[in-house]
C-alpha atoms as a PDB file:
ATOM      1  CA  MET A   1       0.000   0.000   0.000  1.00  0.00           C
ATOM      2  CA  GLY A   2       1.274   3.443  -0.840  1.00  0.00           C
ATOM      3  CA  GLN A   3       3.745   2.186  -3.450  1.00  0.00           C
ATOM      4  CA  PRO A   4       3.838   4.062  -6.748  1.00  0.00           C
ATOM      5  CA  VAL A   5       2.332   2.301  -9.730  1.00  0.00           C
ATOM      6  CA  ALA A   6       4.221   2.762 -12.994  1.00  0.00           C
ATOM      7  CA  VAL A   7       1.961   2.929 -16.044  1.00  0.00           C
ATOM      8  CA  VAL A   8       3.140   2.550 -19.636  1.00  0.00           C
ATOM      9  CA  GLN A   9       0.814   3.095 -22.571  1.00  0.00           C
ATOM     10  CA  LYS A  10       1.285   0.494 -25.298  1.00  0.00           C
ATOM     11  CA  PRO A  11       0.070   0.692 -28.898  1.00  0.00           C
ATOM     12  CA  SER A  12      -3.119  -1.093 -29.857  1.00  0.00           C
ATOM     13  CA  ALA A  13      -3.989  -2.343 -33.327  1.00  0.00           C
ATOM     14  CA  THR A  14      -7.669  -1.577 -32.747  1.00  0.00           C
ATOM     15  CA  PRO A  15      -8.743   2.056 -33.244  1.00  0.00           C
ATOM     16  CA  GLY A  16     -10.472   3.487 -30.172  1.00  0.00           C
ATOM     17  CA  ARG A  17      -8.718   1.085 -27.835  1.00  0.00           C
ATOM     18  CA  VAL A  18      -5.922   2.034 -25.441  1.00  0.00           C
ATOM     19  CA  ARG A  19      -3.698  -0.524 -23.716  1.00  0.00           C
ATOM     20  CA  PHE A  20      -1.756   0.081 -20.510  1.00  0.00           C
ATOM     21  CA  GLU A  21       0.788  -2.075 -18.699  1.00  0.00           C
ATOM     22  CA  ILE A  22       1.479  -1.493 -15.018  1.00  0.00           C
ATOM     23  CA  ASN A  23       4.082  -2.816 -12.603  1.00  0.00           C
ATOM     24  CA  ARG A  24       1.505  -4.614 -10.432  1.00  0.00           C
ATOM     25  CA  SER A  25      -0.801  -7.536 -11.114  1.00  0.00           C
ATOM     26  CA  LEU A  26      -4.422  -6.589 -10.460  1.00  0.00           C
ATOM     27  CA  THR A  27      -6.135  -9.900 -11.227  1.00  0.00           C
ATOM     28  CA  GLY A  28      -3.490 -12.587 -10.920  1.00  0.00           C
ATOM     29  CA  GLN A  29      -4.144 -14.919 -13.857  1.00  0.00           C
ATOM     30  CA  GLY A  30      -7.834 -14.049 -14.121  1.00  0.00           C
ATOM     31  CA  HIS A  31      -9.637 -11.906 -16.694  1.00  0.00           C
ATOM     32  CA  GLU A  32     -12.026  -9.175 -15.591  1.00  0.00           C
ATOM     33  CA  ARG A  33     -14.338  -7.616 -18.186  1.00  0.00           C
ATOM     34  CA  TYR A  34     -16.492  -4.567 -17.552  1.00  0.00           C
ATOM     35  CA  SER A  35     -18.918  -3.504 -20.265  1.00  0.00           C
ATOM     36  CA  SER A  36     -20.510  -0.744 -18.172  1.00  0.00           C
ATOM     37  CA  VAL A  37     -20.269   0.996 -14.824  1.00  0.00           C
ATOM     38  CA  THR A  38     -22.934  -1.346 -13.429  1.00  0.00           C
ATOM     39  CA  ALA A  39     -20.641  -4.304 -14.133  1.00  0.00           C
ATOM     40  CA  ALA A  40     -17.846  -2.651 -12.131  1.00  0.00           C
ATOM     41  CA  THR A  41     -19.162  -3.258  -8.652  1.00  0.00           C
ATOM     42  CA  GLY A  42     -16.956  -4.549  -5.906  1.00  0.00           C
ATOM     43  CA  VAL A  43     -13.810  -3.660  -4.034  1.00  0.00           C
ATOM     44  CA  LYS A  44     -11.141  -5.636  -5.901  1.00  0.00           C
ATOM     45  CA  PRO A  45      -8.398  -3.440  -7.392  1.00  0.00           C
ATOM     46  CA  SER A  46      -9.629  -4.158 -10.920  1.00  0.00           C
ATOM     47  CA  ASP A  47     -13.202  -3.219  -9.903  1.00  0.00           C
ATOM     48  CA  VAL A  48     -12.085   0.093  -8.401  1.00  0.00           C
ATOM     49  CA  LEU A  49      -9.936   0.902 -11.439  1.00  0.00           C
ATOM     50  CA  ALA A  50     -12.852   0.192 -13.783  1.00  0.00           C
ATOM     51  CA  GLN A  51     -15.186   2.340 -11.650  1.00  0.00           C
ATOM     52  CA  ARG A  52     -12.765   5.253 -11.798  1.00  0.00           C
ATOM     53  CA  LEU A  53     -12.257   4.885 -15.543  1.00  0.00           C
ATOM     54  CA  PHE A  54     -16.024   4.792 -16.168  1.00  0.00           C
ATOM     55  CA  ALA A  55     -16.424   7.860 -13.924  1.00  0.00           C
ATOM     56  CA  THR A  56     -14.509   9.919 -16.510  1.00  0.00           C
ATOM     57  CA  GLY A  57     -17.414   9.479 -18.898  1.00  0.00           C
ATOM     58  CA  LYS A  58     -14.944   8.729 -21.697  1.00  0.00           C
ATOM     59  CA  VAL A  59     -14.791   4.933 -21.415  1.00  0.00           C
ATOM     60  CA  SER A  60     -17.169   2.365 -22.893  1.00  0.00           C
ATOM     61  CA  ALA A  61     -15.473  -0.864 -21.719  1.00  0.00           C
ATOM     62  CA  VAL A  62     -12.539  -2.063 -19.599  1.00  0.00           C
ATOM     63  CA  HIS A  63     -10.688  -5.371 -19.630  1.00  0.00           C
ATOM     64  CA  VAL A  64      -8.063  -6.257 -17.008  1.00  0.00           C
ATOM     65  CA  TYR A  65      -5.757  -9.259 -17.227  1.00  0.00           C
ATOM     66  CA  SER A  66      -2.996  -9.415 -14.645  1.00  0.00           C
ATOM     67  CA  ASN A  67      -1.055  -6.185 -15.238  1.00  0.00           C
ATOM     68  CA  VAL A  68      -2.567  -5.272 -18.625  1.00  0.00           C
ATOM     69  CA  ILE A  69      -5.532  -2.890 -18.781  1.00  0.00           C
ATOM     70  CA  THR A  70      -7.358  -2.457 -22.079  1.00  0.00           C
ATOM     71  CA  VAL A  71      -9.704   0.506 -22.318  1.00  0.00           C
ATOM     72  CA  ASP A  72     -12.269   1.065 -25.068  1.00  0.00           C
ATOM     73  CA  VAL A  73     -12.652   4.803 -25.479  1.00  0.00           C
ATOM     74  CA  ALA A  74     -16.247   6.010 -25.827  1.00  0.00           C
ATOM     75  CA  ASP A  75     -17.334   7.605 -29.104  1.00  0.00           C
ATOM     76  CA  GLY A  76     -16.452  11.294 -29.143  1.00  0.00           C
ATOM     77  CA  ALA A  77     -13.959  10.993 -26.278  1.00  0.00           C
ATOM     78  CA  SER A  78     -10.731  11.202 -28.207  1.00  0.00           C
ATOM     79  CA  ASN A  79      -8.565  12.496 -25.374  1.00  0.00           C
ATOM     80  CA  LEU A  80      -8.820  10.238 -22.326  1.00  0.00           C
ATOM     81  CA  TYR A  81      -6.129  11.984 -20.274  1.00  0.00           C
ATOM     82  CA  GLN A  82      -6.098  15.763 -20.209  1.00  0.00           C
ATOM     83  CA  TYR A  83      -3.099  16.324 -17.948  1.00  0.00           C
ATOM     84  CA  TRP A  84      -0.542  13.636 -18.646  1.00  0.00           C
ATOM     85  CA  LYS A  85       0.287  13.340 -22.320  1.00  0.00           C
ATOM     86  CA  PRO A  86       3.266  11.696 -24.028  1.00  0.00           C
ATOM     87  CA  GLY A  87       6.229  14.046 -24.146  1.00  0.00           C
ATOM     88  CA  MET A  88       5.166  16.126 -21.150  1.00  0.00           C
ATOM     89  CA  ALA A  89       7.647  16.501 -18.320  1.00  0.00           C
ATOM     90  CA  PRO A  90       6.527  16.558 -14.685  1.00  0.00           C
ATOM     91  CA  LYS A  91       6.618  19.932 -12.950  1.00  0.00           C
ATOM     92  CA  SER A  92       9.624  20.725 -10.799  1.00  0.00           C
ATOM     93  CA  THR A  93       9.322  21.121  -7.043  1.00  0.00           C
ATOM     94  CA  GLU A  94       9.698  24.885  -7.433  1.00  0.00           C
ATOM     95  CA  GLU A  95       6.847  25.021  -9.976  1.00  0.00           C
ATOM     96  CA  LEU A  96       4.592  22.945  -7.707  1.00  0.00           C
ATOM     97  CA  LEU A  97       5.365  25.126  -4.694  1.00  0.00           C
ATOM     98  CA  ALA A  98       4.595  28.249  -6.734  1.00  0.00           C
ATOM     99  CA  MET A  99       1.113  26.811  -7.340  1.00  0.00           C
ATOM    100  CA  VAL A 100       0.345  26.596  -3.593  1.00  0.00           C
ATOM    101  CA  PRO A 101      -2.227  29.236  -2.610  1.00  0.00           C
ATOM    102  CA  LYS A 102      -0.986  32.057  -0.397  1.00  0.00           C
ATOM    103  CA  SER A 103      -3.545  31.094   2.296  1.00  0.00           C
ATOM    104  CA  ALA A 104      -1.694  27.790   2.783  1.00  0.00           C
ATOM    105  CA  GLU A 105       1.556  29.679   3.335  1.00  0.00           C
ATOM    106  CA  SER A 106      -0.026  31.847   6.023  1.00  0.00           C
ATOM    107  CA  ALA A 107      -0.642  28.735   8.143  1.00  0.00           C
ATOM    108  CA  ALA A 108       2.990  28.828   9.206  1.00  0.00           C
ATOM    109  CA  GLN A 109       4.655  26.566  11.717  1.00  0.00           C
ATOM    110  CA  PRO A 110       4.223  27.546  15.348  1.00  0.00           C
ATOM    111  CA  THR A 111       7.307  29.023  17.028  1.00  0.00           C
ATOM    112  CA  ALA A 112       6.402  27.810  20.524  1.00  0.00           C
ATOM    113  CA  ASP A 113       4.750  24.748  22.029  1.00  0.00           C
ATOM    114  CA  ALA A 114       1.495  24.752  24.030  1.00  0.00           C
ATOM    115  CA  SER A 115       3.308  25.799  27.216  1.00  0.00           C
ATOM    116  CA  GLY A 116       5.008  28.742  25.478  1.00  0.00           C
ATOM    117  CA  THR A 117       8.451  27.137  25.324  1.00  0.00           C
ATOM    118  CA  PRO A 118      10.240  28.079  22.066  1.00  0.00           C
ATOM    119  CA  LEU A 119      10.561  25.197  19.596  1.00  0.00           C
ATOM    120  CA  SER A 120      13.944  23.822  18.638  1.00  0.00           C
ATOM    121  CA  ALA A 121      15.084  23.981  15.022  1.00  0.00           C
ATOM    122  CA  ALA A 122      14.290  20.278  14.630  1.00  0.00           C
ATOM    123  CA  ALA A 123      10.795  20.591  16.157  1.00  0.00           C
ATOM    124  CA  SER A 124       9.962  23.513  13.875  1.00  0.00           C
ATOM    125  CA  LYS A 125      10.338  21.154  10.874  1.00  0.00           C
ATOM    126  CA  ILE A 126       7.633  18.758  12.125  1.00  0.00           C
ATOM    127  CA  PRO A 127       4.211  19.162  10.450  1.00  0.00           C
ATOM    128  CA  VAL A 128       1.849  21.223  12.609  1.00  0.00           C
ATOM    129  CA  LEU A 129      -0.791  18.518  13.118  1.00  0.00           C
ATOM    130  CA  LEU A 130       1.790  15.906  14.084  1.00  0.00           C
ATOM    131  CA  LEU A 131       3.512  18.327  16.466  1.00  0.00           C
ATOM    132  CA  VAL A 132       0.240  19.258  18.195  1.00  0.00           C
ATOM    133  CA  ARG A 133      -0.742  15.595  18.527  1.00  0.00           C
ATOM    134  CA  SER A 134       2.653  14.718  19.953  1.00  0.00           C
ATOM    135  CA  GLN A 135       2.535  17.579  22.440  1.00  0.00           C
ATOM    136  CA  ALA A 136      -0.960  16.543  23.576  1.00  0.00           C
ATOM    137  CA  ALA A 137       0.207  12.945  24.093  1.00  0.00           C
ATOM    138  CA  LEU A 138       3.226  14.152  26.092  1.00  0.00           C
ATOM    139  CA  ALA A 139       1.026  16.362  28.280  1.00  0.00           C
ATOM    140  CA  LYS A 140      -1.380  13.449  28.892  1.00  0.00           C
ATOM    141  CA  ALA A 141       1.505  11.130  29.834  1.00  0.00           C
ATOM    142  CA  LYS A 142       2.894  13.702  32.265  1.00  0.00           C
ATOM    143  CA  ALA A 143      -0.542  14.181  33.818  1.00  0.00           C
ATOM    144  CA  ASN A 144      -1.015  10.421  34.263  1.00  0.00           C
ATOM    145  CA  LYS A 145       2.344  10.142  36.054  1.00  0.00           C
ATOM    146  CA  GLY A 146       0.988  12.554  38.631  1.00  0.00           C
END
């Protein structure tokens, strides 16, 4: 869980069909065919993938066999993926950070803990929610010791 999934688009001889290969097996040695969103019910990885593909409104059928996903593109939906296209390079960290709204920057790290003690340089690097939770747990432990 939480591991990146590498996806490679492969050519298909059939017009209107897109084939993908991933670095994980979704079905083992079984075939899963989904001709509509109503056929894609369940919680198996292949079911969830099919549900999400149908949710785009640009897919008419999905077939999953092990690590190969074949997608039939719906009529009139010529561009299945709007963001990630062949030849595009991922944004740099600087470009992604520039996209962060200014309101998110204003929620800066606290400079002192709950008791008013200034934070060390290391503690100031801890995410706010984790720091607050840790401080609350420490205060509870101290209170329980009496």
